[in-house]
Amino acid sequence: MTEIDAKTEALVSEWLTLPDIAERFGVEVTRVRQLVKEGQLIAVRRGENRALHVPAALLDGDHTVKGLTGLLTVLRDDGFDDVEILEWMFTPDPTLPGTPAQALSENRGTEVKRRAQALAV
């Protein structure tokens, strides 16, 4: 897992720890760790104790936002590391409008995925 810098830290307004997510999802922390390991969720190390954190905007109630796993796959296939993915997802894009993470949470995942696929060209 990657540790983030102040720039990336500033882009994300709310973070959740893996135990927070496990509680929200009603599962064991090991299941949340498995989601991260399988690439279905993105987590980075931050804070004094360097615990793994996930941007809260990537969750919708007791599951991940629709389209997140596919988007993460596309971006990783494009060669993005976890920090670059977070920077891309949380940087405002005037053509969306808003950020890709925001658009994903508003069920506009097709637009976001199209932009991610265009990055590979």
PDB file of N, CA and C in Angstrom:
ATOM      1  N   MET A   1       0.836  -1.188   0.000  1.00  0.00           N
ATOM      2  CA  MET A   1       0.000   0.000   0.000  1.00  0.00           C
ATOM      3  C   MET A   1       0.879   1.249   0.000  1.00  0.00           C
ATOM      4  N   THR A   2       0.426   2.236  -0.645  1.00  0.00           N
ATOM      5  CA  THR A   2       1.175   3.470  -0.828  1.00  0.00           C
ATOM      6  C   THR A   2       0.802   4.492   0.232  1.00  0.00           C
ATOM      7  N   GLU A   3       1.766   5.317   0.597  1.00  0.00           N
ATOM      8  CA  GLU A   3       1.480   6.423   1.512  1.00  0.00           C
ATOM      9  C   GLU A   3       1.285   7.679   0.658  1.00  0.00           C
ATOM     10  N   ILE A   4       0.329   8.503   1.066  1.00  0.00           N
ATOM     11  CA  ILE A   4       0.010   9.680   0.260  1.00  0.00           C
ATOM     12  C   ILE A   4       0.730  10.926   0.762  1.00  0.00           C
ATOM     13  N   ASP A   5       0.794  11.921  -0.113  1.00  0.00           N
ATOM     14  CA  ASP A   5       1.415  13.188   0.251  1.00  0.00           C
ATOM     15  C   ASP A   5       0.327  14.205   0.606  1.00  0.00           C
ATOM     16  N   ALA A   6       0.736  15.396   1.003  1.00  0.00           N
ATOM     17  CA  ALA A   6      -0.198  16.445   1.437  1.00  0.00           C
ATOM     18  C   ALA A   6      -1.137  16.863   0.311  1.00  0.00           C
ATOM     19  N   LYS A   7      -0.650  16.858  -0.923  1.00  0.00           N
ATOM     20  CA  LYS A   7      -1.472  17.252  -2.067  1.00  0.00           C
ATOM     21  C   LYS A   7      -2.671  16.314  -2.213  1.00  0.00           C
ATOM     22  N   THR A   8      -2.401  15.027  -2.190  1.00  0.00           N
ATOM     23  CA  THR A   8      -3.472  14.039  -2.313  1.00  0.00           C
ATOM     24  C   THR A   8      -4.372  14.069  -1.092  1.00  0.00           C
ATOM     25  N   GLU A   9      -3.775  14.211   0.063  1.00  0.00           N
ATOM     26  CA  GLU A   9      -4.517  14.286   1.326  1.00  0.00           C
ATOM     27  C   GLU A   9      -5.558  15.406   1.254  1.00  0.00           C
ATOM     28  N   ALA A  10      -5.184  16.540   0.686  1.00  0.00           N
ATOM     29  CA  ALA A  10      -6.063  17.712   0.620  1.00  0.00           C
ATOM     30  C   ALA A  10      -7.233  17.516  -0.356  1.00  0.00           C
ATOM     31  N   LEU A  11      -7.088  16.630  -1.325  1.00  0.00           N
ATOM     32  CA  LEU A  11      -8.152  16.410  -2.307  1.00  0.00           C
ATOM     33  C   LEU A  11      -9.359  15.666  -1.729  1.00  0.00           C
ATOM     34  N   VAL A  12      -9.100  14.810  -0.747  1.00  0.00           N
ATOM     35  CA  VAL A  12     -10.149  13.965  -0.176  1.00  0.00           C
ATOM     36  C   VAL A  12     -10.639  14.572   1.128  1.00  0.00           C
ATOM     37  N   SER A  13     -11.937  14.821   1.220  1.00  0.00           N
ATOM     38  CA  SER A  13     -12.466  15.499   2.406  1.00  0.00           C
ATOM     39  C   SER A  13     -12.718  14.564   3.591  1.00  0.00           C
ATOM     40  N   GLU A  14     -13.042  13.291   3.320  1.00  0.00           N
ATOM     41  CA  GLU A  14     -13.342  12.376   4.422  1.00  0.00           C
ATOM     42  C   GLU A  14     -12.749  11.003   4.142  1.00  0.00           C
ATOM     43  N   TRP A  15     -12.086  10.466   5.164  1.00  0.00           N
ATOM     44  CA  TRP A  15     -11.443   9.160   5.064  1.00  0.00           C
ATOM     45  C   TRP A  15     -12.071   8.203   6.068  1.00  0.00           C
ATOM     46  N   LEU A  16     -12.064   6.922   5.755  1.00  0.00           N
ATOM     47  CA  LEU A  16     -12.524   5.893   6.676  1.00  0.00           C
ATOM     48  C   LEU A  16     -11.438   4.831   6.820  1.00  0.00           C
ATOM     49  N   THR A  17     -11.296   4.310   8.027  1.00  0.00           N
ATOM     50  CA  THR A  17     -10.351   3.212   8.252  1.00  0.00           C
ATOM     51  C   THR A  17     -11.031   1.901   7.844  1.00  0.00           C
ATOM     52  N   LEU A  18     -10.241   0.854   7.702  1.00  0.00           N
ATOM     53  CA  LEU A  18     -10.807  -0.442   7.329  1.00  0.00           C
ATOM     54  C   LEU A  18     -11.792  -0.953   8.384  1.00  0.00           C
ATOM     55  N   PRO A  19     -11.506  -0.790   9.696  1.00  0.00           N
ATOM     56  CA  PRO A  19     -12.512  -1.201  10.691  1.00  0.00           C
ATOM     57  C   PRO A  19     -13.824  -0.404  10.574  1.00  0.00           C
ATOM     58  N   ASP A  20     -13.722   0.889  10.237  1.00  0.00           N
ATOM     59  CA  ASP A  20     -14.939   1.694  10.021  1.00  0.00           C
ATOM     60  C   ASP A  20     -15.774   1.095   8.891  1.00  0.00           C
ATOM     61  N   ILE A  21     -15.104   0.722   7.816  1.00  0.00           N
ATOM     62  CA  ILE A  21     -15.794   0.164   6.648  1.00  0.00           C
ATOM     63  C   ILE A  21     -16.400  -1.196   6.978  1.00  0.00           C
ATOM     64  N   ALA A  22     -15.636  -2.013   7.702  1.00  0.00           N
ATOM     65  CA  ALA A  22     -16.146  -3.337   8.090  1.00  0.00           C
ATOM     66  C   ALA A  22     -17.434  -3.190   8.890  1.00  0.00           C
ATOM     67  N   GLU A  23     -17.463  -2.235   9.786  1.00  0.00           N
ATOM     68  CA  GLU A  23     -18.661  -1.993  10.595  1.00  0.00           C
ATOM     69  C   GLU A  23     -19.831  -1.555   9.700  1.00  0.00           C
ATOM     70  N   ARG A  24     -19.539  -0.656   8.783  1.00  0.00           N
ATOM     71  CA  ARG A  24     -20.558  -0.155   7.859  1.00  0.00           C
ATOM     72  C   ARG A  24     -21.119  -1.253   6.961  1.00  0.00           C
ATOM     73  N   PHE A  25     -20.239  -2.124   6.489  1.00  0.00           N
ATOM     74  CA  PHE A  25     -20.635  -3.201   5.586  1.00  0.00           C
ATOM     75  C   PHE A  25     -21.211  -4.409   6.339  1.00  0.00           C
ATOM     76  N   GLY A  26     -20.994  -4.442   7.656  1.00  0.00           N
ATOM     77  CA  GLY A  26     -21.456  -5.579   8.454  1.00  0.00           C
ATOM     78  C   GLY A  26     -20.651  -6.838   8.206  1.00  0.00           C
ATOM     79  N   VAL A  27     -19.336  -6.663   7.990  1.00  0.00           N
ATOM     80  CA  VAL A  27     -18.439  -7.792   7.734  1.00  0.00           C
ATOM     81  C   VAL A  27     -17.206  -7.677   8.629  1.00  0.00           C
ATOM     82  N   GLU A  28     -16.376  -8.699   8.615  1.00  0.00           N
ATOM     83  CA  GLU A  28     -15.116  -8.680   9.363  1.00  0.00           C
ATOM     84  C   GLU A  28     -14.095  -7.805   8.627  1.00  0.00           C
ATOM     85  N   VAL A  29     -13.144  -7.253   9.375  1.00  0.00           N
ATOM     86  CA  VAL A  29     -12.090  -6.425   8.790  1.00  0.00           C
ATOM     87  C   VAL A  29     -11.310  -7.222   7.742  1.00  0.00           C
ATOM     88  N   THR A  30     -11.143  -8.512   7.959  1.00  0.00           N
ATOM     89  CA  THR A  30     -10.407  -9.334   6.996  1.00  0.00           C
ATOM     90  C   THR A  30     -11.092  -9.312   5.619  1.00  0.00           C
ATOM     91  N   ARG A  31     -12.430  -9.215   5.591  1.00  0.00           N
ATOM     92  CA  ARG A  31     -13.148  -9.154   4.315  1.00  0.00           C
ATOM     93  C   ARG A  31     -12.841  -7.840   3.597  1.00  0.00           C
ATOM     94  N   VAL A  32     -12.763  -6.747   4.357  1.00  0.00           N
ATOM     95  CA  VAL A  32     -12.446  -5.442   3.757  1.00  0.00           C
ATOM     96  C   VAL A  32     -11.012  -5.467   3.232  1.00  0.00           C
ATOM     97  N   ARG A  33     -10.101  -6.061   4.001  1.00  0.00           N
ATOM     98  CA  ARG A  33      -8.713  -6.200   3.530  1.00  0.00           C
ATOM     99  C   ARG A  33      -8.671  -7.002   2.223  1.00  0.00           C
ATOM    100  N   GLN A  34      -9.509  -8.020   2.115  1.00  0.00           N
ATOM    101  CA  GLN A  34      -9.573  -8.840   0.906  1.00  0.00           C
ATOM    102  C   GLN A  34     -10.066  -8.006  -0.281  1.00  0.00           C
ATOM    103  N   LEU A  35     -11.065  -7.137  -0.054  1.00  0.00           N
ATOM    104  CA  LEU A  35     -11.558  -6.259  -1.127  1.00  0.00           C
ATOM    105  C   LEU A  35     -10.432  -5.358  -1.644  1.00  0.00           C
ATOM    106  N   VAL A  36      -9.602  -4.863  -0.725  1.00  0.00           N
ATOM    107  CA  VAL A  36      -8.473  -4.015  -1.112  1.00  0.00           C
ATOM    108  C   VAL A  36      -7.465  -4.848  -1.896  1.00  0.00           C
ATOM    109  N   LYS A  37      -7.141  -6.026  -1.365  1.00  0.00           N
ATOM    110  CA  LYS A  37      -6.158  -6.896  -2.007  1.00  0.00           C
ATOM    111  C   LYS A  37      -6.609  -7.306  -3.412  1.00  0.00           C
ATOM    112  N   GLU A  38      -7.910  -7.550  -3.587  1.00  0.00           N
ATOM    113  CA  GLU A  38      -8.452  -7.968  -4.884  1.00  0.00           C
ATOM    114  C   GLU A  38      -8.620  -6.802  -5.858  1.00  0.00           C
ATOM    115  N   GLY A  39      -8.373  -5.561  -5.392  1.00  0.00           N
ATOM    116  CA  GLY A  39      -8.482  -4.402  -6.268  1.00  0.00           C
ATOM    117  C   GLY A  39      -9.900  -3.867  -6.414  1.00  0.00           C
ATOM    118  N   GLN A  40     -10.817  -4.312  -5.558  1.00  0.00           N
ATOM    119  CA  GLN A  40     -12.200  -3.842  -5.624  1.00  0.00           C
ATOM    120  C   GLN A  40     -12.386  -2.544  -4.846  1.00  0.00           C
ATOM    121  N   LEU A  41     -11.402  -2.218  -4.033  1.00  0.00           N
ATOM    122  CA  LEU A  41     -11.427  -1.017  -3.197  1.00  0.00           C
ATOM    123  C   LEU A  41     -10.001  -0.488  -3.148  1.00  0.00           C
ATOM    124  N   ILE A  42      -9.865   0.816  -3.028  1.00  0.00           N
ATOM    125  CA  ILE A  42      -8.531   1.412  -2.997  1.00  0.00           C
ATOM    126  C   ILE A  42      -8.271   1.987  -1.604  1.00  0.00           C
ATOM    127  N   ALA A  43      -7.108   1.657  -1.043  1.00  0.00           N
ATOM    128  CA  ALA A  43      -6.739   2.141   0.283  1.00  0.00           C
ATOM    129  C   ALA A  43      -5.295   2.611   0.260  1.00  0.00           C
ATOM    130  N   VAL A  44      -5.029   3.667   1.015  1.00  0.00           N
ATOM    131  CA  VAL A  44      -3.666   4.189   1.126  1.00  0.00           C
ATOM    132  C   VAL A  44      -3.331   4.405   2.598  1.00  0.00           C
ATOM    133  N   ARG A  45      -2.046   4.428   2.875  1.00  0.00           N
ATOM    134  CA  ARG A  45      -1.599   4.670   4.246  1.00  0.00           C
ATOM    135  C   ARG A  45      -1.523   6.167   4.495  1.00  0.00           C
ATOM    136  N   ARG A  46      -2.047   6.580   5.666  1.00  0.00           N
ATOM    137  CA  ARG A  46      -2.010   7.997   6.023  1.00  0.00           C
ATOM    138  C   ARG A  46      -2.094   8.127   7.534  1.00  0.00           C
ATOM    139  N   GLY A  47      -1.804   9.339   8.000  1.00  0.00           N
ATOM    140  CA  GLY A  47      -1.885   9.618   9.429  1.00  0.00           C
ATOM    141  C   GLY A  47      -0.642   9.201  10.184  1.00  0.00           C
ATOM    142  N   GLU A  48      -0.653   9.512  11.464  1.00  0.00           N
ATOM    143  CA  GLU A  48       0.515   9.226  12.309  1.00  0.00           C
ATOM    144  C   GLU A  48       0.853   7.751  12.384  1.00  0.00           C
ATOM    145  N   ASN A  49      -0.177   6.900  12.479  1.00  0.00           N
ATOM    146  CA  ASN A  49       0.102   5.468  12.606  1.00  0.00           C
ATOM    147  C   ASN A  49       0.128   4.733  11.265  1.00  0.00           C
ATOM    148  N   ARG A  50       0.005   5.513  10.160  1.00  0.00           N
ATOM    149  CA  ARG A  50       0.070   4.963   8.807  1.00  0.00           C
ATOM    150  C   ARG A  50      -0.950   3.850   8.577  1.00  0.00           C
ATOM    151  N   ALA A  51      -2.124   4.006   9.173  1.00  0.00           N
ATOM    152  CA  ALA A  51      -3.191   3.026   8.987  1.00  0.00           C
ATOM    153  C   ALA A  51      -3.766   3.160   7.575  1.00  0.00           C
ATOM    154  N   LEU A  52      -4.349   2.078   7.088  1.00  0.00           N
ATOM    155  CA  LEU A  52      -4.978   2.105   5.773  1.00  0.00           C
ATOM    156  C   LEU A  52      -6.296   2.875   5.849  1.00  0.00           C
ATOM    157  N   HIS A  53      -6.496   3.757   4.888  1.00  0.00           N
ATOM    158  CA  HIS A  53      -7.713   4.560   4.819  1.00  0.00           C
ATOM    159  C   HIS A  53      -8.271   4.522   3.396  1.00  0.00           C
ATOM    160  N   VAL A  54      -9.598   4.639   3.322  1.00  0.00           N
ATOM    161  CA  VAL A  54     -10.328   4.659   2.053  1.00  0.00           C
ATOM    162  C   VAL A  54     -11.133   5.954   2.016  1.00  0.00           C
ATOM    163  N   PRO A  55     -11.158   6.652   0.877  1.00  0.00           N
ATOM    164  CA  PRO A  55     -12.013   7.837   0.787  1.00  0.00           C
ATOM    165  C   PRO A  55     -13.476   7.458   0.983  1.00  0.00           C
ATOM    166  N   ALA A  56     -14.159   8.145   1.875  1.00  0.00           N
ATOM    167  CA  ALA A  56     -15.564   7.842   2.166  1.00  0.00           C
ATOM    168  C   ALA A  56     -16.438   7.988   0.927  1.00  0.00           C
ATOM    169  N   ALA A  57     -16.055   8.853  -0.001  1.00  0.00           N
ATOM    170  CA  ALA A  57     -16.845   9.090  -1.213  1.00  0.00           C
ATOM    171  C   ALA A  57     -16.940   7.852  -2.111  1.00  0.00           C
ATOM    172  N   LEU A  58     -16.102   6.844  -1.858  1.00  0.00           N
ATOM    173  CA  LEU A  58     -16.119   5.643  -2.691  1.00  0.00           C
ATOM    174  C   LEU A  58     -17.096   4.596  -2.174  1.00  0.00           C
ATOM    175  N   LEU A  59     -17.787   4.933  -1.079  1.00  0.00           N
ATOM    176  CA  LEU A  59     -18.752   4.010  -0.494  1.00  0.00           C
ATOM    177  C   LEU A  59     -20.153   4.577  -0.615  1.00  0.00           C
ATOM    178  N   ASP A  60     -21.095   3.670  -0.783  1.00  0.00           N
ATOM    179  CA  ASP A  60     -22.504   4.048  -0.859  1.00  0.00           C
ATOM    180  C   ASP A  60     -23.236   3.151   0.130  1.00  0.00           C
ATOM    181  N   GLY A  61     -23.452   3.653   1.331  1.00  0.00           N
ATOM    182  CA  GLY A  61     -24.091   2.843   2.365  1.00  0.00           C
ATOM    183  C   GLY A  61     -23.226   1.667   2.750  1.00  0.00           C
ATOM    184  N   ASP A  62     -23.753   0.454   2.513  1.00  0.00           N
ATOM    185  CA  ASP A  62     -23.018  -0.750   2.937  1.00  0.00           C
ATOM    186  C   ASP A  62     -22.327  -1.468   1.779  1.00  0.00           C
ATOM    187  N   HIS A  63     -21.955  -0.703   0.740  1.00  0.00           N
ATOM    188  CA  HIS A  63     -21.200  -1.283  -0.383  1.00  0.00           C
ATOM    189  C   HIS A  63     -20.413  -0.173  -1.096  1.00  0.00           C
ATOM    190  N   THR A  64     -19.560  -0.589  -2.028  1.00  0.00           N
ATOM    191  CA  THR A  64     -18.788   0.405  -2.792  1.00  0.00           C
ATOM    192  C   THR A  64     -19.706   1.037  -3.839  1.00  0.00           C
ATOM    193  N   VAL A  65     -19.345   2.234  -4.306  1.00  0.00           N
ATOM    194  CA  VAL A  65     -20.162   2.878  -5.331  1.00  0.00           C
ATOM    195  C   VAL A  65     -20.125   2.034  -6.604  1.00  0.00           C
ATOM    196  N   LYS A  66     -21.228   2.046  -7.323  1.00  0.00           N
ATOM    197  CA  LYS A  66     -21.358   1.271  -8.546  1.00  0.00           C
ATOM    198  C   LYS A  66     -20.289   1.711  -9.552  1.00  0.00           C
ATOM    199  N   GLY A  67     -19.633   0.736 -10.144  1.00  0.00           N
ATOM    200  CA  GLY A  67     -18.638   1.016 -11.168  1.00  0.00           C
ATOM    201  C   GLY A  67     -17.219   1.223 -10.663  1.00  0.00           C
ATOM    202  N   LEU A  68     -17.039   1.247  -9.333  1.00  0.00           N
ATOM    203  CA  LEU A  68     -15.696   1.512  -8.779  1.00  0.00           C
ATOM    204  C   LEU A  68     -14.689   0.444  -9.183  1.00  0.00           C
ATOM    205  N   THR A  69     -15.052  -0.816  -9.028  1.00  0.00           N
ATOM    206  CA  THR A  69     -14.103  -1.897  -9.324  1.00  0.00           C
ATOM    207  C   THR A  69     -13.632  -1.848 -10.774  1.00  0.00           C
ATOM    208  N   GLY A  70     -14.566  -1.652 -11.706  1.00  0.00           N
ATOM    209  CA  GLY A  70     -14.203  -1.572 -13.123  1.00  0.00           C
ATOM    210  C   GLY A  70     -13.310  -0.387 -13.415  1.00  0.00           C
ATOM    211  N   LEU A  71     -13.620   0.751 -12.783  1.00  0.00           N
ATOM    212  CA  LEU A  71     -12.805   1.948 -12.977  1.00  0.00           C
ATOM    213  C   LEU A  71     -11.391   1.730 -12.449  1.00  0.00           C
ATOM    214  N   LEU A  72     -11.266   1.135 -11.270  1.00  0.00           N
ATOM    215  CA  LEU A  72      -9.935   0.870 -10.703  1.00  0.00           C
ATOM    216  C   LEU A  72      -9.138  -0.047 -11.624  1.00  0.00           C
ATOM    217  N   THR A  73      -9.799  -1.029 -12.207  1.00  0.00           N
ATOM    218  CA  THR A  73      -9.127  -1.946 -13.131  1.00  0.00           C
ATOM    219  C   THR A  73      -8.611  -1.194 -14.352  1.00  0.00           C
ATOM    220  N   VAL A  74      -9.453  -0.338 -14.934  1.00  0.00           N
ATOM    221  CA  VAL A  74      -9.050   0.431 -16.121  1.00  0.00           C
ATOM    222  C   VAL A  74      -7.841   1.306 -15.795  1.00  0.00           C
ATOM    223  N   LEU A  75      -7.904   2.024 -14.671  1.00  0.00           N
ATOM    224  CA  LEU A  75      -6.804   2.932 -14.312  1.00  0.00           C
ATOM    225  C   LEU A  75      -5.518   2.167 -14.008  1.00  0.00           C
ATOM    226  N   ARG A  76      -5.630   1.042 -13.322  1.00  0.00           N
ATOM    227  CA  ARG A  76      -4.422   0.236 -13.039  1.00  0.00           C
ATOM    228  C   ARG A  76      -3.844  -0.322 -14.331  1.00  0.00           C
ATOM    229  N   ASP A  77      -4.718  -0.737 -15.234  1.00  0.00           N
ATOM    230  CA  ASP A  77      -4.247  -1.229 -16.539  1.00  0.00           C
ATOM    231  C   ASP A  77      -3.557  -0.120 -17.331  1.00  0.00           C
ATOM    232  N   ASP A  78      -3.963   1.136 -17.091  1.00  0.00           N
ATOM    233  CA  ASP A  78      -3.331   2.297 -17.727  1.00  0.00           C
ATOM    234  C   ASP A  78      -1.979   2.627 -17.092  1.00  0.00           C
ATOM    235  N   GLY A  79      -1.619   1.913 -16.002  1.00  0.00           N
ATOM    236  CA  GLY A  79      -0.335   2.133 -15.356  1.00  0.00           C
ATOM    237  C   GLY A  79      -0.373   3.076 -14.165  1.00  0.00           C
ATOM    238  N   PHE A  80      -1.566   3.463 -13.728  1.00  0.00           N
ATOM    239  CA  PHE A  80      -1.695   4.349 -12.570  1.00  0.00           C
ATOM    240  C   PHE A  80      -1.425   3.580 -11.283  1.00  0.00           C
ATOM    241  N   ASP A  81      -0.692   4.219 -10.351  1.00  0.00           N
ATOM    242  CA  ASP A  81      -0.560   3.626  -9.022  1.00  0.00           C
ATOM    243  C   ASP A  81      -1.706   4.170  -8.163  1.00  0.00           C
ATOM    244  N   ASP A  82      -1.824   3.699  -6.926  1.00  0.00           N
ATOM    245  CA  ASP A  82      -2.960   4.073  -6.080  1.00  0.00           C
ATOM    246  C   ASP A  82      -3.045   5.576  -5.814  1.00  0.00           C
ATOM    247  N   VAL A  83      -1.907   6.226  -5.606  1.00  0.00           N
ATOM    248  CA  VAL A  83      -1.919   7.673  -5.350  1.00  0.00           C
ATOM    249  C   VAL A  83      -2.376   8.420  -6.602  1.00  0.00           C
ATOM    250  N   GLU A  84      -1.870   8.025  -7.760  1.00  0.00           N
ATOM    251  CA  GLU A  84      -2.285   8.662  -9.014  1.00  0.00           C
ATOM    252  C   GLU A  84      -3.774   8.450  -9.279  1.00  0.00           C
ATOM    253  N   ILE A  85      -4.274   7.276  -8.930  1.00  0.00           N
ATOM    254  CA  ILE A  85      -5.704   6.998  -9.094  1.00  0.00           C
ATOM    255  C   ILE A  85      -6.518   7.952  -8.223  1.00  0.00           C
ATOM    256  N   LEU A  86      -6.117   8.092  -6.960  1.00  0.00           N
ATOM    257  CA  LEU A  86      -6.854   8.988  -6.063  1.00  0.00           C
ATOM    258  C   LEU A  86      -6.779  10.432  -6.547  1.00  0.00           C
ATOM    259  N   GLU A  87      -5.602  10.854  -6.994  1.00  0.00           N
ATOM    260  CA  GLU A  87      -5.464  12.228  -7.505  1.00  0.00           C
ATOM    261  C   GLU A  87      -6.383  12.434  -8.701  1.00  0.00           C
ATOM    262  N   TRP A  88      -6.438  11.468  -9.625  1.00  0.00           N
ATOM    263  CA  TRP A  88      -7.295  11.596 -10.796  1.00  0.00           C
ATOM    264  C   TRP A  88      -8.768  11.609 -10.384  1.00  0.00           C
ATOM    265  N   MET A  89      -9.130  10.715  -9.467  1.00  0.00           N
ATOM    266  CA  MET A  89     -10.536  10.589  -9.072  1.00  0.00           C
ATOM    267  C   MET A  89     -11.061  11.799  -8.297  1.00  0.00           C
ATOM    268  N   PHE A  90     -10.168  12.496  -7.583  1.00  0.00           N
ATOM    269  CA  PHE A  90     -10.620  13.592  -6.728  1.00  0.00           C
ATOM    270  C   PHE A  90     -10.207  14.981  -7.223  1.00  0.00           C
ATOM    271  N   THR A  91      -9.671  15.051  -8.426  1.00  0.00           N
ATOM    272  CA  THR A  91      -9.349  16.346  -9.031  1.00  0.00           C
ATOM    273  C   THR A  91     -10.523  16.771  -9.907  1.00  0.00           C
ATOM    274  N   PRO A  92     -11.030  18.001  -9.708  1.00  0.00           N
ATOM    275  CA  PRO A  92     -12.179  18.456 -10.501  1.00  0.00           C
ATOM    276  C   PRO A  92     -11.914  18.385 -11.999  1.00  0.00           C
ATOM    277  N   ASP A  93     -12.926  17.919 -12.723  1.00  0.00           N
ATOM    278  CA  ASP A  93     -12.881  17.824 -14.181  1.00  0.00           C
ATOM    279  C   ASP A  93     -14.057  18.638 -14.714  1.00  0.00           C
ATOM    280  N   PRO A  94     -13.777  19.803 -15.312  1.00  0.00           N
ATOM    281  CA  PRO A  94     -14.861  20.670 -15.777  1.00  0.00           C
ATOM    282  C   PRO A  94     -15.751  20.037 -16.840  1.00  0.00           C
ATOM    283  N   THR A  95     -15.277  18.989 -17.503  1.00  0.00           N
ATOM    284  CA  THR A  95     -16.102  18.356 -18.529  1.00  0.00           C
ATOM    285  C   THR A  95     -17.128  17.394 -17.924  1.00  0.00           C
ATOM    286  N   LEU A  96     -17.009  17.064 -16.632  1.00  0.00           N
ATOM    287  CA  LEU A  96     -17.956  16.101 -16.056  1.00  0.00           C
ATOM    288  C   LEU A  96     -19.299  16.726 -15.653  1.00  0.00           C
ATOM    289  N   PRO A  97     -19.483  17.752 -14.972  1.00  0.00           N
ATOM    290  CA  PRO A  97     -18.617  18.538 -14.080  1.00  0.00           C
ATOM    291  C   PRO A  97     -18.420  17.840 -12.728  1.00  0.00           C
ATOM    292  N   GLY A  98     -17.540  18.426 -11.918  1.00  0.00           N
ATOM    293  CA  GLY A  98     -17.198  17.831 -10.628  1.00  0.00           C
ATOM    294  C   GLY A  98     -15.983  16.945 -10.756  1.00  0.00           C
ATOM    295  N   THR A  99     -15.808  16.066  -9.789  1.00  0.00           N
ATOM    296  CA  THR A  99     -14.686  15.130  -9.824  1.00  0.00           C
ATOM    297  C   THR A  99     -15.185  13.784 -10.345  1.00  0.00           C
ATOM    298  N   PRO A 100     -14.279  12.956 -10.870  1.00  0.00           N
ATOM    299  CA  PRO A 100     -14.693  11.615 -11.276  1.00  0.00           C
ATOM    300  C   PRO A 100     -15.336  10.833 -10.113  1.00  0.00           C
ATOM    301  N   ALA A 101     -14.828  10.992  -8.897  1.00  0.00           N
ATOM    302  CA  ALA A 101     -15.402  10.289  -7.742  1.00  0.00           C
ATOM    303  C   ALA A 101     -16.845  10.736  -7.512  1.00  0.00           C
ATOM    304  N   GLN A 102     -17.082  12.024  -7.647  1.00  0.00           N
ATOM    305  CA  GLN A 102     -18.424  12.587  -7.487  1.00  0.00           C
ATOM    306  C   GLN A 102     -19.358  12.023  -8.560  1.00  0.00           C
ATOM    307  N   ALA A 103     -18.899  12.020  -9.793  1.00  0.00           N
ATOM    308  CA  ALA A 103     -19.708  11.511 -10.903  1.00  0.00           C
ATOM    309  C   ALA A 103     -20.038  10.031 -10.696  1.00  0.00           C
ATOM    310  N   LEU A 104     -19.071   9.275 -10.195  1.00  0.00           N
ATOM    311  CA  LEU A 104     -19.283   7.857  -9.930  1.00  0.00           C
ATOM    312  C   LEU A 104     -20.385   7.678  -8.885  1.00  0.00           C
ATOM    313  N   SER A 105     -20.333   8.481  -7.820  1.00  0.00           N
ATOM    314  CA  SER A 105     -21.341   8.373  -6.762  1.00  0.00           C
ATOM    315  C   SER A 105     -22.719   8.846  -7.225  1.00  0.00           C
ATOM    316  N   GLU A 106     -22.753   9.622  -8.299  1.00  0.00           N
ATOM    317  CA  GLU A 106     -24.028  10.102  -8.863  1.00  0.00           C
ATOM    318  C   GLU A 106     -24.494   9.205 -10.000  1.00  0.00           C
ATOM    319  N   ASN A 107     -23.952   7.990 -10.047  1.00  0.00           N
ATOM    320  CA  ASN A 107     -24.338   6.990 -11.044  1.00  0.00           C
ATOM    321  C   ASN A 107     -24.035   7.434 -12.480  1.00  0.00           C
ATOM    322  N   ARG A 108     -22.933   8.178 -12.650  1.00  0.00           N
ATOM    323  CA  ARG A 108     -22.481   8.570 -13.988  1.00  0.00           C
ATOM    324  C   ARG A 108     -21.179   7.849 -14.310  1.00  0.00           C
ATOM    325  N   GLY A 109     -21.134   6.579 -13.932  1.00  0.00           N
ATOM    326  CA  GLY A 109     -19.920   5.782 -14.080  1.00  0.00           C
ATOM    327  C   GLY A 109     -19.475   5.568 -15.513  1.00  0.00           C
ATOM    328  N   THR A 110     -20.425   5.505 -16.439  1.00  0.00           N
ATOM    329  CA  THR A 110     -20.064   5.292 -17.847  1.00  0.00           C
ATOM    330  C   THR A 110     -19.209   6.446 -18.355  1.00  0.00           C
ATOM    331  N   GLU A 111     -19.598   7.678 -17.993  1.00  0.00           N
ATOM    332  CA  GLU A 111     -18.809   8.852 -18.412  1.00  0.00           C
ATOM    333  C   GLU A 111     -17.405   8.801 -17.829  1.00  0.00           C
ATOM    334  N   VAL A 112     -17.331   8.441 -16.554  1.00  0.00           N
ATOM    335  CA  VAL A 112     -16.042   8.389 -15.853  1.00  0.00           C
ATOM    336  C   VAL A 112     -15.155   7.318 -16.471  1.00  0.00           C
ATOM    337  N   LYS A 113     -15.718   6.146 -16.718  1.00  0.00           N
ATOM    338  CA  LYS A 113     -14.941   5.047 -17.288  1.00  0.00           C
ATOM    339  C   LYS A 113     -14.445   5.406 -18.687  1.00  0.00           C
ATOM    340  N   ARG A 114     -15.271   6.110 -19.454  1.00  0.00           N
ATOM    341  CA  ARG A 114     -14.874   6.543 -20.803  1.00  0.00           C
ATOM    342  C   ARG A 114     -13.640   7.464 -20.717  1.00  0.00           C
ATOM    343  N   ARG A 115     -13.666   8.372 -19.773  1.00  0.00           N
ATOM    344  CA  ARG A 115     -12.520   9.294 -19.608  1.00  0.00           C
ATOM    345  C   ARG A 115     -11.263   8.532 -19.170  1.00  0.00           C
ATOM    346  N   ALA A 116     -11.453   7.567 -18.286  1.00  0.00           N
ATOM    347  CA  ALA A 116     -10.319   6.753 -17.826  1.00  0.00           C
ATOM    348  C   ALA A 116      -9.729   5.957 -18.983  1.00  0.00           C
ATOM    349  N   GLN A 117     -10.583   5.398 -19.829  1.00  0.00           N
ATOM    350  CA  GLN A 117     -10.092   4.626 -20.984  1.00  0.00           C
ATOM    351  C   GLN A 117      -9.350   5.536 -21.967  1.00  0.00           C
ATOM    352  N   ALA A 118      -9.783   6.780 -22.078  1.00  0.00           N
ATOM    353  CA  ALA A 118      -9.129   7.732 -22.987  1.00  0.00           C
ATOM    354  C   ALA A 118      -7.721   8.093 -22.522  1.00  0.00           C
ATOM    355  N   LEU A 119      -7.456   7.920 -21.223  1.00  0.00           N
ATOM    356  CA  LEU A 119      -6.124   8.236 -20.689  1.00  0.00           C
ATOM    357  C   LEU A 119      -5.067   7.294 -21.261  1.00  0.00           C
ATOM    358  N   ALA A 120      -5.486   6.110 -21.637  1.00  0.00           N
ATOM    359  CA  ALA A 120      -4.544   5.101 -22.123  1.00  0.00           C
ATOM    360  C   ALA A 120      -4.090   5.383 -23.561  1.00  0.00           C
ATOM    361  N   VAL A 121      -4.818   6.218 -24.250  1.00  0.00           N
ATOM    362  CA  VAL A 121      -4.521   6.476 -25.675  1.00  0.00           C
ATOM    363  C   VAL A 121      -3.270   7.310 -25.834  1.00  0.00           C
TER     364      VAL A 121
END
